[in-house]
Amino acid sequence: MGDLLSEGKTLLRARYLEWIDELGLTQATASRYVRLHALSVDRPGVIEQWKELGVAKLYRVALLDVPAQQKALKKGQRQKLLEMNHQQFSAATKRYLKRRRSVSAAMRAHGLRMKTQAWLSALRATKIGKIDDENIRSGLKRDLKAVATAANKLEREI
């Protein structure tokens, strides 16, 4: 599947994302297939030697560069790695992953803007009737004031 997706990406270019959507794949799933295929082509010994890890763990291995793969897949650790569940394996290999892109101020601002728009939509759509419980009413007021204070502070910093 990964080789087919790699070829499709090369041939389709801008229409690639549309094509993988038509195939019923997410971009993340397609990317995993492509990376695993690349690993099988570039380092078939890793796949052969570590196939018992299973596909999910091998997807994770495919994210690592060669030195990181060598550190993560130590022969003396074989049984321990095999016994780990996916979450444990991900945590154990996390330190070997390299960030592909640093997060810029513009990226952070865009993410915050998307969250803010979602919060505003949720707040505007909320219909609260009379709140009889004084603790809930005062707690909600306190929380809303805290949100407003934090938003005002951030607005001044921009």
Protein backbone atom coordinates (compact mmCIF):
# COMPACT_ATOMS: atom_id res chain seq x y z
CA MET A 1 0.00 0.00 0.00
CA GLY A 2 2.84 2.40 0.86
CA ASP A 3 4.49 1.96 -2.54
CA LEU A 4 1.17 2.67 -4.29
CA LEU A 5 0.62 5.78 -2.17
CA SER A 6 4.18 6.99 -2.83
CA GLU A 7 3.68 6.60 -6.55
CA GLY A 8 0.28 8.28 -6.35
CA LYS A 9 1.75 11.23 -4.49
CA THR A 10 4.36 11.69 -7.20
CA LEU A 11 1.86 11.40 -10.04
CA LEU A 12 -1.09 13.29 -8.56
CA ARG A 13 0.77 16.07 -6.73
CA ALA A 14 -1.91 18.62 -5.79
CA ARG A 15 -4.75 16.06 -6.12
CA TYR A 16 -3.05 13.56 -3.80
CA LEU A 17 -4.99 14.57 -0.68
CA GLU A 18 -8.27 14.34 -2.59
CA TRP A 19 -7.27 10.89 -3.84
CA ILE A 20 -6.41 9.50 -0.40
CA ASP A 21 -9.72 10.87 0.85
CA GLU A 22 -11.48 8.97 -1.96
CA LEU A 23 -9.61 5.85 -0.83
CA GLY A 24 -11.07 6.35 2.64
CA LEU A 25 -7.69 7.06 4.25
CA THR A 26 -6.72 9.90 6.50
CA GLN A 27 -3.60 11.87 5.68
CA ALA A 28 -1.93 10.47 8.82
CA THR A 29 -2.69 6.86 7.86
CA ALA A 30 -1.43 7.37 4.32
CA SER A 31 1.72 8.98 5.68
CA ARG A 32 2.32 5.98 7.96
CA TYR A 33 1.98 3.57 5.04
CA VAL A 34 4.42 5.64 2.97
CA ARG A 35 6.98 5.83 5.79
CA LEU A 36 6.75 2.12 6.49
CA HIS A 37 7.24 1.38 2.78
CA ALA A 38 10.30 3.65 2.72
CA LEU A 39 11.71 1.82 5.74
CA SER A 40 11.17 -1.53 4.02
CA VAL A 41 13.03 -0.28 0.94
CA ASP A 42 15.85 1.60 2.71
CA ARG A 43 16.40 -0.78 5.62
CA PRO A 44 14.68 -4.12 4.93
CA GLY A 45 16.72 -5.75 7.70
CA VAL A 46 14.93 -3.66 10.31
CA ILE A 47 11.55 -4.92 9.12
CA GLU A 48 12.77 -8.52 8.94
CA GLN A 49 14.53 -8.45 12.31
CA TRP A 50 11.77 -6.61 14.19
CA LYS A 51 8.57 -7.77 12.44
CA GLU A 52 7.36 -9.30 15.73
CA LEU A 53 6.86 -5.76 17.05
CA GLY A 54 3.78 -5.46 14.89
CA VAL A 55 2.67 -2.82 12.45
CA ALA A 56 1.80 -0.10 14.97
CA LYS A 57 5.26 -0.17 16.55
CA LEU A 58 6.96 -0.41 13.16
CA TYR A 59 5.08 2.73 12.07
CA ARG A 60 6.73 4.43 15.04
CA VAL A 61 10.16 3.02 14.11
CA ALA A 62 9.70 4.37 10.58
CA LEU A 63 9.48 7.90 12.05
CA LEU A 64 13.00 7.61 13.46
CA ASP A 65 16.23 8.34 11.61
CA VAL A 66 18.81 5.53 11.35
CA PRO A 67 20.87 6.42 14.49
CA ALA A 68 17.66 6.74 16.50
CA GLN A 69 16.42 3.38 15.21
CA GLN A 70 19.67 1.78 16.32
CA LYS A 71 19.37 3.30 19.79
CA ALA A 72 15.69 2.40 20.17
CA LEU A 73 15.98 -1.16 18.84
CA LYS A 74 18.73 -2.61 20.99
CA LYS A 75 18.95 -6.39 20.75
CA GLY A 76 19.24 -6.73 24.52
CA GLN A 77 15.89 -4.94 24.85
CA ARG A 78 14.02 -7.21 22.41
CA GLN A 79 11.74 -8.95 24.92
CA LYS A 80 11.00 -5.73 26.77
CA LEU A 81 10.09 -3.96 23.50
CA LEU A 82 7.86 -6.87 22.45
CA GLU A 83 5.99 -6.78 25.76
CA MET A 84 5.30 -3.03 25.61
CA ASN A 85 1.90 -1.85 24.48
CA HIS A 86 1.71 0.88 21.84
CA GLN A 87 1.55 3.73 24.37
CA GLN A 88 4.56 2.43 26.26
CA PHE A 89 6.51 1.95 23.04
CA SER A 90 5.63 5.47 21.89
CA ALA A 91 6.78 6.89 25.22
CA ALA A 92 10.02 4.89 25.07
CA THR A 93 10.84 6.12 21.56
CA LYS A 94 9.66 9.71 21.99
CA ARG A 95 13.09 10.98 23.00
CA TYR A 96 14.52 9.78 19.69
CA LEU A 97 12.04 11.69 17.54
CA LYS A 98 13.25 14.89 15.95
CA ARG A 99 10.86 17.79 15.59
CA ARG A 100 10.35 18.29 11.91
CA ARG A 101 9.31 21.89 12.28
CA SER A 102 9.62 24.44 15.01
CA VAL A 103 6.43 26.14 16.03
CA SER A 104 6.48 29.79 15.03
CA ALA A 105 4.67 32.65 16.74
CA ALA A 106 2.34 32.84 13.73
CA MET A 107 1.47 29.15 14.10
CA ARG A 108 0.73 29.58 17.81
CA ALA A 109 -1.37 32.66 17.09
CA HIS A 110 -3.32 30.83 14.39
CA GLY A 111 -4.01 27.92 16.74
CA LEU A 112 -5.15 30.26 19.50
CA ARG A 113 -7.37 32.10 17.05
CA MET A 114 -9.06 28.85 16.00
CA LYS A 115 -9.63 27.90 19.66
CA THR A 116 -10.94 31.37 20.47
CA GLN A 117 -13.43 31.24 17.62
CA ALA A 118 -14.65 27.84 18.81
CA TRP A 119 -15.01 29.12 22.39
CA LEU A 120 -16.95 32.15 21.19
CA SER A 121 -19.31 29.98 19.18
CA ALA A 122 -19.88 27.72 22.18
CA LEU A 123 -20.45 30.67 24.53
CA ARG A 124 -22.87 32.38 22.14
CA ALA A 125 -24.83 29.16 21.63
CA THR A 126 -25.15 28.41 25.34
CA LYS A 127 -28.57 29.00 26.86
CA ILE A 128 -28.54 28.91 30.65
CA GLY A 129 -31.75 29.24 32.53
CA LYS A 130 -32.03 30.46 36.08
CA ILE A 131 -29.31 28.98 38.28
CA ASP A 132 -30.69 28.33 41.74
CA ASP A 133 -27.47 26.99 43.24
CA GLU A 134 -25.48 29.99 44.49
CA ASN A 135 -22.18 28.05 44.45
CA ILE A 136 -22.58 27.15 40.78
CA ARG A 137 -23.69 30.69 39.84
CA SER A 138 -20.80 32.40 41.66
CA GLY A 139 -18.31 29.82 40.39
CA LEU A 140 -19.42 30.35 36.79
CA LYS A 141 -19.21 34.12 37.17
CA ARG A 142 -15.71 33.79 38.65
CA ASP A 143 -14.61 31.53 35.78
CA LEU A 144 -16.02 33.88 33.12
CA LYS A 145 -14.27 36.85 34.74
CA ALA A 146 -11.00 34.88 34.79
CA VAL A 147 -11.38 34.12 31.06
CA ALA A 148 -12.08 37.80 30.34
CA THR A 149 -9.09 38.90 32.43
CA ALA A 150 -6.78 36.45 30.67
CA ALA A 151 -8.10 37.54 27.25
CA ASN A 152 -7.62 41.23 28.09
CA LYS A 153 -4.07 40.57 29.31
CA LEU A 154 -3.20 38.67 26.15
CA GLU A 155 -4.76 41.38 23.98
CA ARG A 156 -2.49 43.99 25.61
CA GLU A 157 0.58 41.79 24.97
CA ILE A 158 -0.11 41.40 21.25
